[in-house]
């Protein structure tokens, strides 16, 4: 997943570090954010950090897997993959 100056997308990266099969991220609307995501967004907006606020809505939005086309949220996938109780 890429979020930054190169864009906001999911990709398959080759050994040569080329991005292929890009899928544009689907940002969450600020109203959809809850918990940590909402807090992070509100702080970024409050502090005039518009680029950071934009990054946060993409981070907590939806991702399409370039390999299988399944759609999921990065935050949920990251939590599940890094949950020590799982």
Protein backbone atom coordinates (compact mmCIF):
# COMPACT_ATOMS: atom_id res chain seq x y z
CA UNK A 1 0.00 0.00 0.00
CA UNK A 2 1.33 3.42 -0.92
CA UNK A 3 0.17 6.63 0.75
CA UNK A 4 2.18 9.74 0.09
CA UNK A 5 3.66 12.01 -2.53
CA UNK A 6 3.59 9.21 -5.14
CA UNK A 7 -0.16 8.81 -4.69
CA UNK A 8 -2.58 6.68 -2.68
CA UNK A 9 -2.89 3.13 -4.02
CA UNK A 10 -2.38 -0.57 -3.43
CA UNK A 11 0.00 -2.38 -5.75
CA UNK A 12 1.96 -5.47 -6.53
CA UNK A 13 5.65 -4.54 -6.41
CA UNK A 14 8.13 -6.46 -8.55
CA UNK A 15 11.69 -7.37 -7.59
CA UNK A 16 12.83 -4.38 -9.64
CA UNK A 17 10.69 -2.19 -7.36
CA UNK A 18 8.22 -1.43 -10.14
CA UNK A 19 4.57 -1.03 -9.20
CA UNK A 20 2.18 -3.09 -11.32
CA UNK A 21 -1.55 -3.68 -11.02
CA UNK A 22 -2.26 -0.47 -9.11
CA UNK A 23 -5.63 0.03 -7.43
CA UNK A 24 -6.63 3.48 -6.18
CA UNK A 25 -7.45 3.60 -2.47
CA UNK A 26 -10.99 4.51 -1.51
CA UNK A 27 -10.78 7.12 1.25
CA UNK A 28 -13.19 7.06 4.18
CA UNK A 29 -15.34 10.11 4.59
CA UNK A 30 -14.41 12.00 7.75
CA UNK A 31 -17.91 11.30 9.09
CA UNK A 32 -17.24 7.54 8.82
CA UNK A 33 -14.15 7.66 11.01
CA UNK A 34 -14.36 6.46 14.59
CA UNK A 35 -12.03 5.84 17.49
CA UNK A 36 -8.35 6.42 16.79
CA UNK A 37 -8.95 7.33 13.15
CA UNK A 38 -11.43 10.08 14.05
CA UNK A 39 -9.12 11.42 16.77
CA UNK A 40 -6.12 11.48 14.41
CA UNK A 41 -8.14 13.22 11.70
CA UNK A 42 -9.58 15.84 14.07
CA UNK A 43 -6.14 16.68 15.47
CA UNK A 44 -4.68 17.01 11.96
CA UNK A 45 -7.53 19.32 10.87
CA UNK A 46 -7.32 21.33 14.08
CA UNK A 47 -3.60 21.86 13.55
CA UNK A 48 -4.00 22.83 9.88
CA UNK A 49 -2.23 19.70 8.63
CA UNK A 50 -4.36 19.16 5.52
CA UNK A 51 -1.99 16.69 3.84
CA UNK A 52 -1.92 14.58 7.00
CA UNK A 53 -5.72 14.69 7.29
CA UNK A 54 -5.93 13.47 3.66
CA UNK A 55 -3.50 10.66 4.45
CA UNK A 56 -5.58 9.58 7.45
CA UNK A 57 -8.83 9.26 5.48
CA UNK A 58 -6.95 7.09 2.96
CA UNK A 59 -5.34 4.99 5.69
CA UNK A 60 -8.73 4.28 7.28
CA UNK A 61 -10.54 3.88 3.95
CA UNK A 62 -10.96 0.81 1.78
CA UNK A 63 -8.29 -1.06 -0.16
CA UNK A 64 -8.72 -3.34 -3.16
CA UNK A 65 -6.21 -6.17 -3.40
CA UNK A 66 -4.56 -6.04 -6.83
CA UNK A 67 -4.13 -9.82 -6.82
CA UNK A 68 -7.60 -11.07 -5.88
CA UNK A 69 -9.79 -7.92 -6.01
CA UNK A 70 -11.05 -8.41 -2.44
CA UNK A 71 -11.90 -5.16 -0.70
CA UNK A 72 -10.97 -4.54 2.94
CA UNK A 73 -9.86 -1.83 5.32
CA UNK A 74 -6.13 -1.57 5.88
CA UNK A 75 -6.61 -0.79 9.58
CA UNK A 76 -8.60 -4.01 10.14
CA UNK A 77 -6.13 -6.11 8.13
CA UNK A 78 -3.16 -4.65 9.99
CA UNK A 79 -4.83 -5.22 13.36
CA UNK A 80 -5.68 -8.83 12.50
CA UNK A 81 -2.16 -9.55 11.23
CA UNK A 82 -0.52 -8.04 14.32
CA UNK A 83 -2.88 -9.16 17.07
CA UNK A 84 -0.85 -11.24 19.54
CA UNK A 85 -4.03 -13.04 20.70
CA UNK A 86 -4.91 -14.34 17.22
